[in-house]
Amino acid sequence: MIVKEDFLNKLRRFFGLNLYEAKIWTALLSRGVSTAGELSDIGNVPRSRAYDILESLEKKGFVVMKLGKPIKYIAVEPKEVVERVKKLIRKDADNNIKKLKDLETTEVIKELDSLFKQGIEFVEPSDLSGAIRGRHNIYSHLESMVKNAQKSVTIVTSSKGLIRKLETLKPTLEKLNKKGVRIRIAANVNKDNKGYVKDISKIADVKHMSKPEARFVVVDGKEIMFMTMSDEEVHPTYDIGVWVNTPYFATALENILSHTWQKLDNANKVKV
């Protein structure tokens, strides 16, 4: 049996298998029931590895060992395998989350915090900057910035960027609003994001700004995150954000925006 390498790679990626596991599994699927020796020949896998691989697949729920001699294995229906893998992933994720939560109460995190505080004392303010690649990483860093806000959060973004940011940051912004943090958002309001605007206007001052469609966030007049490219032109994985801890420039940027803020249209009054 010949299985294309591209197909095997997809199986490895989706199901978390190694190459030999993918080969043995597809070989068994093609036979329904078979011995380890037969599967090693069909899948072109060393016989010395076949039993270990089948034992691994059995533990993961991909195969069932048939009673009797010689030992044979039965393939589990792929749809059932998908459900089993989903359960395993959820279980592993829950276990890992629990470990991390438990870590918060241990001495380990205190030692890590201590190391960080010691190290940050030697960092020049101009060094507190970085380029962040990939929209997922950008939004993770944005969330970290915003949740530590004490006074203000200013968001200027595109029409699509408004939707993405609110889907990610809304719970955090709601908490900040309860703490009295001032939240301002300027974006191109249209029919696609109007519903989001109506919802977030309960906790933020939202303005319509059609041009320019810049994308940046300022927190407490100290930190800035700005995106270097238009989100209409760049793929999410290639998006780049530049983070800078610069009270001098961040305050200046907020002041410039404040001078024009009242001139912008109220987002809820914009006809779309």
C-alpha atoms as a PDB file:
ATOM      1  CA  MET A   1       0.000   0.000   0.000  1.00  0.00           C
ATOM      2  CA  ILE A   2       1.379   3.402  -0.977  1.00  0.00           C
ATOM      3  CA  VAL A   3       0.150   6.459   0.928  1.00  0.00           C
ATOM      4  CA  LYS A   4       1.221   9.880  -0.273  1.00  0.00           C
ATOM      5  CA  GLU A   5       3.653  11.698   1.981  1.00  0.00           C
ATOM      6  CA  ASP A   6       1.475  14.822   1.975  1.00  0.00           C
ATOM      7  CA  PHE A   7      -1.462  12.799   3.353  1.00  0.00           C
ATOM      8  CA  LEU A   8       0.715  11.267   6.064  1.00  0.00           C
ATOM      9  CA  ASN A   9       1.939  14.731   7.071  1.00  0.00           C
ATOM     10  CA  LYS A  10      -1.658  15.922   7.413  1.00  0.00           C
ATOM     11  CA  LEU A  11      -2.471  12.973   9.661  1.00  0.00           C
ATOM     12  CA  ARG A  12       0.577  13.699  11.803  1.00  0.00           C
ATOM     13  CA  ARG A  13      -0.419  17.335  12.152  1.00  0.00           C
ATOM     14  CA  PHE A  14      -4.115  16.771  12.889  1.00  0.00           C
ATOM     15  CA  PHE A  15      -3.793  13.745  15.175  1.00  0.00           C
ATOM     16  CA  GLY A  16      -0.405  14.369  16.792  1.00  0.00           C
ATOM     17  CA  LEU A  17       1.179  11.188  15.426  1.00  0.00           C
ATOM     18  CA  ASN A  18       4.764  10.415  14.479  1.00  0.00           C
ATOM     19  CA  LEU A  19       5.576   9.089  11.005  1.00  0.00           C
ATOM     20  CA  TYR A  20       5.586   5.389  11.954  1.00  0.00           C
ATOM     21  CA  GLU A  21       2.267   5.730  13.816  1.00  0.00           C
ATOM     22  CA  ALA A  22       0.675   7.372  10.771  1.00  0.00           C
ATOM     23  CA  LYS A  23       1.990   4.611   8.486  1.00  0.00           C
ATOM     24  CA  ILE A  24       0.826   1.749  10.718  1.00  0.00           C
ATOM     25  CA  TRP A  25      -2.578   3.354  11.272  1.00  0.00           C
ATOM     26  CA  THR A  26      -3.264   3.910   7.567  1.00  0.00           C
ATOM     27  CA  ALA A  27      -2.070   0.364   6.848  1.00  0.00           C
ATOM     28  CA  LEU A  28      -4.527  -1.028   9.406  1.00  0.00           C
ATOM     29  CA  LEU A  29      -7.359   1.151   8.076  1.00  0.00           C
ATOM     30  CA  SER A  30      -6.776  -0.348   4.643  1.00  0.00           C
ATOM     31  CA  ARG A  31      -7.007  -3.907   6.038  1.00  0.00           C
ATOM     32  CA  GLY A  32      -9.520  -3.568   8.875  1.00  0.00           C
ATOM     33  CA  VAL A  33      -7.883  -6.402  10.860  1.00  0.00           C
ATOM     34  CA  SER A  34      -4.226  -7.414  10.663  1.00  0.00           C
ATOM     35  CA  THR A  35      -1.148  -8.628  12.549  1.00  0.00           C
ATOM     36  CA  ALA A  36       1.798  -6.451  13.541  1.00  0.00           C
ATOM     37  CA  GLY A  37       4.047  -8.247  11.040  1.00  0.00           C
ATOM     38  CA  GLU A  38       1.641  -7.668   8.162  1.00  0.00           C
ATOM     39  CA  LEU A  39       1.241  -4.012   9.071  1.00  0.00           C
ATOM     40  CA  SER A  40       4.996  -3.448   9.240  1.00  0.00           C
ATOM     41  CA  ASP A  41       5.334  -4.852   5.717  1.00  0.00           C
ATOM     42  CA  ILE A  42       2.398  -2.872   4.327  1.00  0.00           C
ATOM     43  CA  GLY A  43       3.428   0.383   6.024  1.00  0.00           C
ATOM     44  CA  ASN A  44       7.149  -0.077   5.370  1.00  0.00           C
ATOM     45  CA  VAL A  45       7.925   0.173   9.097  1.00  0.00           C
ATOM     46  CA  PRO A  46      10.679  -1.865  10.857  1.00  0.00           C
ATOM     47  CA  ARG A  47       9.198  -4.989  12.491  1.00  0.00           C
ATOM     48  CA  SER A  48      11.143  -4.258  15.671  1.00  0.00           C
ATOM     49  CA  ARG A  49       9.044  -1.095  16.072  1.00  0.00           C
ATOM     50  CA  ALA A  50       5.631  -2.410  15.015  1.00  0.00           C
ATOM     51  CA  TYR A  51       4.463  -3.717  18.423  1.00  0.00           C
ATOM     52  CA  ASP A  52       5.537  -0.548  20.276  1.00  0.00           C
ATOM     53  CA  ILE A  53       3.740   1.597  17.709  1.00  0.00           C
ATOM     54  CA  LEU A  54       0.564  -0.474  17.906  1.00  0.00           C
ATOM     55  CA  GLU A  55       0.669  -0.307  21.702  1.00  0.00           C
ATOM     56  CA  SER A  56       0.930   3.477  21.451  1.00  0.00           C
ATOM     57  CA  LEU A  57      -1.985   3.644  18.995  1.00  0.00           C
ATOM     58  CA  GLU A  58      -4.016   1.394  21.284  1.00  0.00           C
ATOM     59  CA  LYS A  59      -3.475   3.729  24.260  1.00  0.00           C
ATOM     60  CA  LYS A  60      -4.551   6.680  22.117  1.00  0.00           C
ATOM     61  CA  GLY A  61      -7.732   4.868  21.050  1.00  0.00           C
ATOM     62  CA  PHE A  62      -6.883   4.391  17.366  1.00  0.00           C
ATOM     63  CA  VAL A  63      -6.855   0.574  17.404  1.00  0.00           C
ATOM     64  CA  VAL A  64      -8.225  -2.349  19.427  1.00  0.00           C
ATOM     65  CA  MET A  65      -6.285  -5.556  20.110  1.00  0.00           C
ATOM     66  CA  LYS A  66      -8.286  -8.613  19.031  1.00  0.00           C
ATOM     67  CA  LEU A  67      -8.557 -11.586  21.384  1.00  0.00           C
ATOM     68  CA  GLY A  68      -6.897 -14.824  20.317  1.00  0.00           C
ATOM     69  CA  LYS A  69      -3.717 -16.057  18.666  1.00  0.00           C
ATOM     70  CA  PRO A  70      -1.946 -14.752  16.680  1.00  0.00           C
ATOM     71  CA  ILE A  71      -2.422 -11.260  18.083  1.00  0.00           C
ATOM     72  CA  LYS A  72      -4.301  -9.098  15.630  1.00  0.00           C
ATOM     73  CA  TYR A  73      -5.458  -5.502  15.681  1.00  0.00           C
ATOM     74  CA  ILE A  74      -8.766  -3.954  14.603  1.00  0.00           C
ATOM     75  CA  ALA A  75      -9.066  -0.416  13.217  1.00  0.00           C
ATOM     76  CA  VAL A  76     -11.392   2.009  15.029  1.00  0.00           C
ATOM     77  CA  GLU A  77     -13.712   4.055  12.804  1.00  0.00           C
ATOM     78  CA  PRO A  78     -11.980   7.398  11.966  1.00  0.00           C
ATOM     79  CA  LYS A  79     -14.955   9.501  13.154  1.00  0.00           C
ATOM     80  CA  GLU A  80     -14.751   7.787  16.535  1.00  0.00           C
ATOM     81  CA  VAL A  81     -10.981   8.369  16.595  1.00  0.00           C
ATOM     82  CA  VAL A  82     -11.572  12.099  16.084  1.00  0.00           C
ATOM     83  CA  GLU A  83     -13.907  12.209  19.088  1.00  0.00           C
ATOM     84  CA  ARG A  84     -11.408  10.287  21.238  1.00  0.00           C
ATOM     85  CA  VAL A  85      -8.563  12.587  20.252  1.00  0.00           C
ATOM     86  CA  LYS A  86     -10.702  15.631  21.077  1.00  0.00           C
ATOM     87  CA  LYS A  87     -11.353  14.234  24.552  1.00  0.00           C
ATOM     88  CA  LEU A  88      -7.649  13.545  25.103  1.00  0.00           C
ATOM     89  CA  ILE A  89      -6.724  17.064  24.008  1.00  0.00           C
ATOM     90  CA  ARG A  90      -9.314  18.566  26.370  1.00  0.00           C
ATOM     91  CA  LYS A  91      -8.079  16.399  29.225  1.00  0.00           C
ATOM     92  CA  ASP A  92      -4.439  17.329  28.599  1.00  0.00           C
ATOM     93  CA  ALA A  93      -5.363  21.011  28.305  1.00  0.00           C
ATOM     94  CA  ASP A  94      -7.326  20.921  31.578  1.00  0.00           C
ATOM     95  CA  ASN A  95      -4.420  19.192  33.338  1.00  0.00           C
ATOM     96  CA  ASN A  96      -1.919  21.731  32.025  1.00  0.00           C
ATOM     97  CA  ILE A  97      -4.146  24.661  33.017  1.00  0.00           C
ATOM     98  CA  LYS A  98      -4.502  23.195  36.516  1.00  0.00           C
ATOM     99  CA  LYS A  99      -0.723  22.852  36.798  1.00  0.00           C
ATOM    100  CA  LEU A 100      -0.255  26.482  35.813  1.00  0.00           C
ATOM    101  CA  LYS A 101      -2.934  27.636  38.274  1.00  0.00           C
ATOM    102  CA  ASP A 102      -1.260  25.640  41.025  1.00  0.00           C
ATOM    103  CA  LEU A 103       2.052  27.242  40.057  1.00  0.00           C
ATOM    104  CA  GLU A 104       0.667  30.680  40.948  1.00  0.00           C
ATOM    105  CA  THR A 105       0.622  29.746  44.637  1.00  0.00           C
ATOM    106  CA  THR A 106       4.106  28.210  44.778  1.00  0.00           C
ATOM    107  CA  GLU A 107       7.519  29.638  45.542  1.00  0.00           C
ATOM    108  CA  VAL A 108       8.534  29.027  41.929  1.00  0.00           C
ATOM    109  CA  ILE A 109       6.507  31.951  40.576  1.00  0.00           C
ATOM    110  CA  LYS A 110       7.796  34.187  43.393  1.00  0.00           C
ATOM    111  CA  GLU A 111      11.369  33.327  42.459  1.00  0.00           C
ATOM    112  CA  LEU A 112      10.644  33.981  38.787  1.00  0.00           C
ATOM    113  CA  ASP A 113       9.113  37.377  39.652  1.00  0.00           C
ATOM    114  CA  SER A 114      12.122  38.186  41.779  1.00  0.00           C
ATOM    115  CA  LEU A 115      14.492  37.353  38.918  1.00  0.00           C
ATOM    116  CA  PHE A 116      12.439  39.480  36.535  1.00  0.00           C
ATOM    117  CA  LYS A 117      12.414  42.497  38.877  1.00  0.00           C
ATOM    118  CA  GLN A 118      16.156  42.207  39.430  1.00  0.00           C
ATOM    119  CA  GLY A 119      16.784  41.970  35.715  1.00  0.00           C
ATOM    120  CA  ILE A 120      14.507  44.862  34.759  1.00  0.00           C
ATOM    121  CA  GLU A 121      16.513  47.206  37.011  1.00  0.00           C
ATOM    122  CA  PHE A 122      19.440  46.868  34.603  1.00  0.00           C
ATOM    123  CA  VAL A 123      17.354  47.587  31.502  1.00  0.00           C
ATOM    124  CA  GLU A 124      17.552  51.037  29.976  1.00  0.00           C
ATOM    125  CA  PRO A 125      14.135  52.590  29.212  1.00  0.00           C
ATOM    126  CA  SER A 126      15.095  52.742  25.539  1.00  0.00           C
ATOM    127  CA  ASP A 127      15.554  48.958  25.555  1.00  0.00           C
ATOM    128  CA  LEU A 128      11.944  48.315  26.544  1.00  0.00           C
ATOM    129  CA  SER A 129      10.780  47.801  22.983  1.00  0.00           C
ATOM    130  CA  GLY A 130      10.314  44.969  20.542  1.00  0.00           C
ATOM    131  CA  ALA A 131       8.876  43.748  17.251  1.00  0.00           C
ATOM    132  CA  ILE A 132       6.112  41.162  17.608  1.00  0.00           C
ATOM    133  CA  ARG A 133       5.309  38.930  14.647  1.00  0.00           C
ATOM    134  CA  GLY A 134       1.974  37.270  13.957  1.00  0.00           C
ATOM    135  CA  ARG A 135      -1.457  38.631  14.849  1.00  0.00           C
ATOM    136  CA  HIS A 136      -1.999  35.999  17.546  1.00  0.00           C
ATOM    137  CA  ASN A 137       1.169  37.090  19.365  1.00  0.00           C
ATOM    138  CA  ILE A 138       0.317  40.758  18.850  1.00  0.00           C
ATOM    139  CA  TYR A 139      -3.082  40.354  20.496  1.00  0.00           C
ATOM    140  CA  SER A 140      -1.620  38.325  23.358  1.00  0.00           C
ATOM    141  CA  HIS A 141       0.800  41.170  24.072  1.00  0.00           C
ATOM    142  CA  LEU A 142      -1.960  43.756  23.682  1.00  0.00           C
ATOM    143  CA  GLU A 143      -4.046  41.937  26.266  1.00  0.00           C
ATOM    144  CA  SER A 144      -1.111  41.956  28.694  1.00  0.00           C
ATOM    145  CA  MET A 145      -0.640  45.694  28.154  1.00  0.00           C
ATOM    146  CA  VAL A 146      -4.290  46.609  28.524  1.00  0.00           C
ATOM    147  CA  LYS A 147      -5.085  44.534  31.621  1.00  0.00           C
ATOM    148  CA  ASN A 148      -2.405  46.423  33.576  1.00  0.00           C
ATOM    149  CA  ALA A 149      -3.851  49.860  32.719  1.00  0.00           C
ATOM    150  CA  GLN A 150      -4.396  52.167  35.686  1.00  0.00           C
ATOM    151  CA  LYS A 151      -5.646  55.391  34.075  1.00  0.00           C
ATOM    152  CA  SER A 152      -6.413  55.172  30.374  1.00  0.00           C
ATOM    153  CA  VAL A 153      -6.554  52.994  27.270  1.00  0.00           C
ATOM    154  CA  THR A 154      -6.717  54.578  23.820  1.00  0.00           C
ATOM    155  CA  ILE A 155      -7.390  52.357  20.805  1.00  0.00           C
ATOM    156  CA  VAL A 156      -7.225  53.555  17.205  1.00  0.00           C
ATOM    157  CA  THR A 157      -7.917  50.853  14.667  1.00  0.00           C
ATOM    158  CA  SER A 158      -9.416  49.812  11.341  1.00  0.00           C
ATOM    159  CA  SER A 159     -13.004  48.673  10.783  1.00  0.00           C
ATOM    160  CA  LYS A 160     -12.022  44.991  10.880  1.00  0.00           C
ATOM    161  CA  GLY A 161      -9.464  45.617  13.601  1.00  0.00           C
ATOM    162  CA  LEU A 162     -12.227  46.966  15.838  1.00  0.00           C
ATOM    163  CA  ILE A 163     -14.078  43.652  15.654  1.00  0.00           C
ATOM    164  CA  ARG A 164     -10.934  41.627  16.369  1.00  0.00           C
ATOM    165  CA  LYS A 165      -9.899  43.779  19.313  1.00  0.00           C
ATOM    166  CA  LEU A 166     -13.304  43.763  20.940  1.00  0.00           C
ATOM    167  CA  GLU A 167     -13.600  39.981  20.559  1.00  0.00           C
ATOM    168  CA  THR A 168     -10.256  39.664  22.344  1.00  0.00           C
ATOM    169  CA  LEU A 169     -10.248  42.573  24.788  1.00  0.00           C
ATOM    170  CA  LYS A 170     -13.887  43.143  25.739  1.00  0.00           C
ATOM    171  CA  PRO A 171     -13.796  41.171  29.049  1.00  0.00           C
ATOM    172  CA  THR A 172     -10.615  43.020  30.049  1.00  0.00           C
ATOM    173  CA  LEU A 173     -12.055  46.411  29.064  1.00  0.00           C
ATOM    174  CA  GLU A 174     -15.181  45.724  31.126  1.00  0.00           C
ATOM    175  CA  LYS A 175     -13.022  45.064  34.200  1.00  0.00           C
ATOM    176  CA  LEU A 176     -11.036  48.248  33.570  1.00  0.00           C
ATOM    177  CA  ASN A 177     -14.246  50.273  33.260  1.00  0.00           C
ATOM    178  CA  LYS A 178     -15.325  49.088  36.714  1.00  0.00           C
ATOM    179  CA  LYS A 179     -11.958  50.272  38.062  1.00  0.00           C
ATOM    180  CA  GLY A 180     -12.539  53.735  36.571  1.00  0.00           C
ATOM    181  CA  VAL A 181     -10.038  53.459  33.711  1.00  0.00           C
ATOM    182  CA  ARG A 182     -10.900  55.802  30.828  1.00  0.00           C
ATOM    183  CA  ILE A 183     -11.372  53.907  27.556  1.00  0.00           C
ATOM    184  CA  ARG A 184     -11.384  55.657  24.175  1.00  0.00           C
ATOM    185  CA  ILE A 185     -11.786  53.936  20.819  1.00  0.00           C
ATOM    186  CA  ALA A 186     -11.566  55.494  17.349  1.00  0.00           C
ATOM    187  CA  ALA A 187     -12.300  53.401  14.259  1.00  0.00           C
ATOM    188  CA  ASN A 188     -14.022  53.366  10.901  1.00  0.00           C
ATOM    189  CA  VAL A 189     -17.594  52.454  11.833  1.00  0.00           C
ATOM    190  CA  ASN A 190     -19.592  50.554   9.195  1.00  0.00           C
ATOM    191  CA  LYS A 191     -22.428  48.053   8.918  1.00  0.00           C
ATOM    192  CA  ASP A 192     -20.110  45.140   9.768  1.00  0.00           C
ATOM    193  CA  ASN A 193     -18.990  46.473  13.144  1.00  0.00           C
ATOM    194  CA  LYS A 194     -21.959  48.658  14.103  1.00  0.00           C
ATOM    195  CA  GLY A 195     -23.295  46.006  16.494  1.00  0.00           C
ATOM    196  CA  TYR A 196     -19.940  45.782  18.269  1.00  0.00           C
ATOM    197  CA  VAL A 197     -19.852  49.572  18.577  1.00  0.00           C
ATOM    198  CA  LYS A 198     -23.319  49.722  20.139  1.00  0.00           C
ATOM    199  CA  ASP A 199     -22.310  47.120  22.715  1.00  0.00           C
ATOM    200  CA  ILE A 200     -18.909  48.556  23.681  1.00  0.00           C
ATOM    201  CA  SER A 201     -20.271  52.140  23.847  1.00  0.00           C
ATOM    202  CA  LYS A 202     -21.713  51.238  27.259  1.00  0.00           C
ATOM    203  CA  ILE A 203     -18.214  51.254  28.736  1.00  0.00           C
ATOM    204  CA  ALA A 204     -16.117  53.265  26.266  1.00  0.00           C
ATOM    205  CA  ASP A 205     -16.140  56.564  24.394  1.00  0.00           C
ATOM    206  CA  VAL A 206     -16.269  55.430  20.756  1.00  0.00           C
ATOM    207  CA  LYS A 207     -15.694  57.770  17.817  1.00  0.00           C
ATOM    208  CA  HIS A 208     -15.969  57.313  14.063  1.00  0.00           C
ATOM    209  CA  MET A 209     -12.742  58.024  12.183  1.00  0.00           C
ATOM    210  CA  SER A 210     -12.749  57.042   8.514  1.00  0.00           C
ATOM    211  CA  LYS A 211      -9.222  58.270   7.747  1.00  0.00           C
ATOM    212  CA  PRO A 212      -6.440  57.605   8.307  1.00  0.00           C
ATOM    213  CA  GLU A 213      -6.994  53.930   9.214  1.00  0.00           C
ATOM    214  CA  ALA A 214      -4.110  53.683  11.649  1.00  0.00           C
ATOM    215  CA  ARG A 215      -3.764  50.812  14.130  1.00  0.00           C
ATOM    216  CA  PHE A 216      -2.260  51.559  17.528  1.00  0.00           C
ATOM    217  CA  VAL A 217      -2.972  51.290  21.255  1.00  0.00           C
ATOM    218  CA  VAL A 218      -1.723  53.595  24.006  1.00  0.00           C
ATOM    219  CA  VAL A 219      -1.902  52.553  27.668  1.00  0.00           C
ATOM    220  CA  ASP A 220      -1.598  55.058  30.541  1.00  0.00           C
ATOM    221  CA  GLY A 221       0.362  57.456  28.336  1.00  0.00           C
ATOM    222  CA  LYS A 222       3.367  55.153  28.751  1.00  0.00           C
ATOM    223  CA  GLU A 223       3.206  52.140  26.439  1.00  0.00           C
ATOM    224  CA  ILE A 224       2.422  52.036  22.713  1.00  0.00           C
ATOM    225  CA  MET A 225       1.732  49.158  20.376  1.00  0.00           C
ATOM    226  CA  PHE A 226       1.406  50.102  16.718  1.00  0.00           C
ATOM    227  CA  MET A 227       0.982  47.920  13.668  1.00  0.00           C
ATOM    228  CA  THR A 228       3.223  48.665  10.718  1.00  0.00           C
ATOM    229  CA  MET A 229       1.007  47.488   7.848  1.00  0.00           C
ATOM    230  CA  SER A 230      -2.578  47.677   6.663  1.00  0.00           C
ATOM    231  CA  ASP A 231      -4.634  44.696   7.776  1.00  0.00           C
ATOM    232  CA  GLU A 232      -6.235  44.715   4.322  1.00  0.00           C
ATOM    233  CA  GLU A 233      -2.907  43.886   2.702  1.00  0.00           C
ATOM    234  CA  VAL A 234      -1.058  41.601   5.130  1.00  0.00           C
ATOM    235  CA  HIS A 235      -1.777  37.996   6.100  1.00  0.00           C
ATOM    236  CA  PRO A 236      -2.360  37.583   9.873  1.00  0.00           C
ATOM    237  CA  THR A 237       0.752  35.423  10.271  1.00  0.00           C
ATOM    238  CA  TYR A 238       2.917  38.174   8.741  1.00  0.00           C
ATOM    239  CA  ASP A 239       1.395  41.092  10.636  1.00  0.00           C
ATOM    240  CA  ILE A 240       3.968  43.009  12.692  1.00  0.00           C
ATOM    241  CA  GLY A 241       3.397  45.047  15.823  1.00  0.00           C
ATOM    242  CA  VAL A 242       5.996  47.310  17.402  1.00  0.00           C
ATOM    243  CA  TRP A 243       5.811  47.682  21.172  1.00  0.00           C
ATOM    244  CA  VAL A 244       7.560  50.583  22.884  1.00  0.00           C
ATOM    245  CA  ASN A 245       7.601  51.708  26.498  1.00  0.00           C
ATOM    246  CA  THR A 246       8.027  55.447  25.976  1.00  0.00           C
ATOM    247  CA  PRO A 247       6.105  57.880  28.223  1.00  0.00           C
ATOM    248  CA  TYR A 248       7.548  60.831  26.275  1.00  0.00           C
ATOM    249  CA  PHE A 249       6.110  59.818  22.891  1.00  0.00           C
ATOM    250  CA  ALA A 250       3.013  58.039  24.237  1.00  0.00           C
ATOM    251  CA  THR A 251       1.883  61.146  26.124  1.00  0.00           C
ATOM    252  CA  ALA A 252       2.496  63.324  23.071  1.00  0.00           C
ATOM    253  CA  LEU A 253       0.441  60.974  20.896  1.00  0.00           C
ATOM    254  CA  GLU A 254      -2.441  60.960  23.365  1.00  0.00           C
ATOM    255  CA  ASN A 255      -2.372  64.771  23.569  1.00  0.00           C
ATOM    256  CA  ILE A 256      -2.541  65.085  19.793  1.00  0.00           C
ATOM    257  CA  LEU A 257      -5.506  62.740  19.693  1.00  0.00           C
ATOM    258  CA  SER A 258      -7.223  64.609  22.524  1.00  0.00           C
ATOM    259  CA  HIS A 259      -7.121  67.862  20.524  1.00  0.00           C
ATOM    260  CA  THR A 260      -9.069  66.252  17.683  1.00  0.00           C
ATOM    261  CA  TRP A 261     -11.276  63.910  19.735  1.00  0.00           C
ATOM    262  CA  GLN A 262     -14.250  66.254  20.093  1.00  0.00           C
ATOM    263  CA  LYS A 263     -14.222  66.923  16.349  1.00  0.00           C
ATOM    264  CA  LEU A 264     -14.761  63.250  15.560  1.00  0.00           C
ATOM    265  CA  ASP A 265     -18.293  61.944  15.048  1.00  0.00           C
ATOM    266  CA  ASN A 266     -19.971  59.956  17.781  1.00  0.00           C
ATOM    267  CA  ALA A 267     -19.883  56.351  16.544  1.00  0.00           C
ATOM    268  CA  ASN A 268     -23.482  55.581  17.519  1.00  0.00           C
ATOM    269  CA  LYS A 269     -24.752  58.500  15.436  1.00  0.00           C
ATOM    270  CA  VAL A 270     -22.992  57.431  12.241  1.00  0.00           C
ATOM    271  CA  LYS A 271     -25.413  56.255   9.535  1.00  0.00           C
ATOM    272  CA  VAL A 272     -24.309  53.037   7.841  1.00  0.00           C
END
